């Protein structure tokens, strides 16, 4: 019974550690959505969405190999089927693309991130197996423990990127590679080639795992390495075959692959962005490993483990160091440096740290058995204190939520539909966004924004490049106090500092108020703004004027003051009539393209709708009348129109004339 318990205990410990590791990596998988903080996540997701829409197995994207993209496509297909069954999506053909900032299909990201978290958690048993093979149970468990709480690994397992999955496959490929160094069996070469090909199929750089295979072959066979070359050739052929089988369009669409690879190589050499820039930044890499890669104590244990294997003349040390050295020699000479590329080196380093810790533990038990009862738990606390603290801080940040998500929720709660916002923030790609984007709001005076119909302003520290609001903004805002503030230097929240202000929009700001009191049912049309799109800010506002040319856009904003909710969802129509009363142009659309239906207009608000009208390119010069009204698209009926309290026989009101000039 005791023997069985002894056998089961490590399995249970590893199982619990793996579950804990997955929980850490899957925690708040939706933390930023619909905003996408990682700049490379949309590249993979847009590839997946395009494949699902078009049914095309060619990713047409080769910055990464295709295996992880195919895995994400499978996960995305499963999510799509679930979404179709639950009415979340209409069809695969209708899936919208994701921008570099935000997504309209956050569910795909959540499922994809869960898959990445599973790959991260699966790496723990893999590094356990490495440590176990090198020095037994204690080395394996300590290696898995170190990686479980490593903040870098936890952080990047929260994204759909291939870095963490590639580390899993590198760890798995190292297992048969170590056996090549031990016994050199044919099956070890075949398995090393298979897993190495899968690793390279996830990320190009993971092909570095071929170097340890070669080193293991040389060190095991030594003088007979040439005679045993067919075994190494088998590993190479299997690795290449698996890589091409998992990324077939590298061959089938070679020109696309060559284009993307050339661009990526050029980008790495450019030295213009990344975690650091410049060639051979050794000090930065050392600081990275000390602070994130493995930690100071973890690095000391890894050095001790390397020393233990070196004293034993264990050839497997060279296998592990070749992997780490290969990665460093590939990336150090580049101009741009992204430290997530080094995540696969962690599997070798924590395995060595496990060896060092196991050797230290063995020595303590041999010389200080009683003292070891105290020193071992204390050592574990010291070893895990720093990474656990950083991981806890990261997860706490995720728990508190992205400032942009909080701002979006505040807007949904406090800003009624149809009320305009101008923001230093990219909108969520869901039809017509809740706000209009403009970076650098102080370039126009506040009164200008009110004349355009904006009731709220959202300013962002992403534009200021600092958390403290610049003095120019303070002068521009005057005595106004923010309606809401999100984030900041002391908030421990991901995302920029965001502040929302009311502009003080009122009926007095309407550029062209109507002469009388005009009501469509319970909604009063206060007035309009007429002109052409602003020459500098065409998507933000208009320049007043009533002279246009054929083919130009007649910019029109209608200002509605809501007194009581309307009983149905009306469309706003705009008609342009010639001198004979014939309709020469028109626009019929729901307010805000359906995002602010009239039945949801709230009393006490000023709803502003964009009613731009494209003038026909063949429109003859002359004077034309502009009319506006509401109608029910289902029944064709209109709400009662009252002017100064008198019911009108028509359903539209005149907005004056415009002149079309040659």
Foldseek 3Di string as FASTA:
>chain_A
DVVVCVVCVLVVLLVVLLVLLLCLQLQLLVFAPQWDPDQCQLVLVQLLLVCQQVVDPASLAVQFFFQLSVVLNVLLVVVVVVCCVVVNDDGSNPADRADSTGAPCSVSFSSLLSVLSNLLSLLLQLLLLLLCVLPHNQLSSQLSVLSSLFQLSSVVSSGNALLSNLLSLLSVLLNLLLVCLVPNDLVSLLSNLQSLLVSCNSGVLSVLLLQLSVLSLCNRCPVCSVVVVVSNVNSPVSSVVSNCVSRVVCVVVVVSNVVNVVVSLCVQQVLDDAPHFDAQPPVVVVVCCCQGLRHDLLQVLLVQLLVVCVVVVRSSSVSLVSSQVSQCVVRRGTGHDYPSNNNSNSSSSSSSSSSSLVVVLVVCCVPPVPVSVVVVVVVVCVSSVNSNVSSVLVSVQSVVGAQVVVVVVCCVVPPFPQAEEEECDDFHPDQQGNYHYDQPVLVDALLQLLQQRHFKYKYWCVNVVAQDDDPSVCVRCDPWDFPDWGDGPPPSYPYTIMTMTTSPRDLVSHPAADPWFKDFAQKTFGAKAWAAQDPVHRRRGGDGDQEAAAQGKIKMKIKIAGADQDPFFKWKKKFKADPVRDTQWMDTATFSNPRNTSNRDDHPDIRMGIGMTGGHNPDDWDKIWMKMFIADPVPRHTGFIDTNRHTDPDGIDTRGIGTHDD
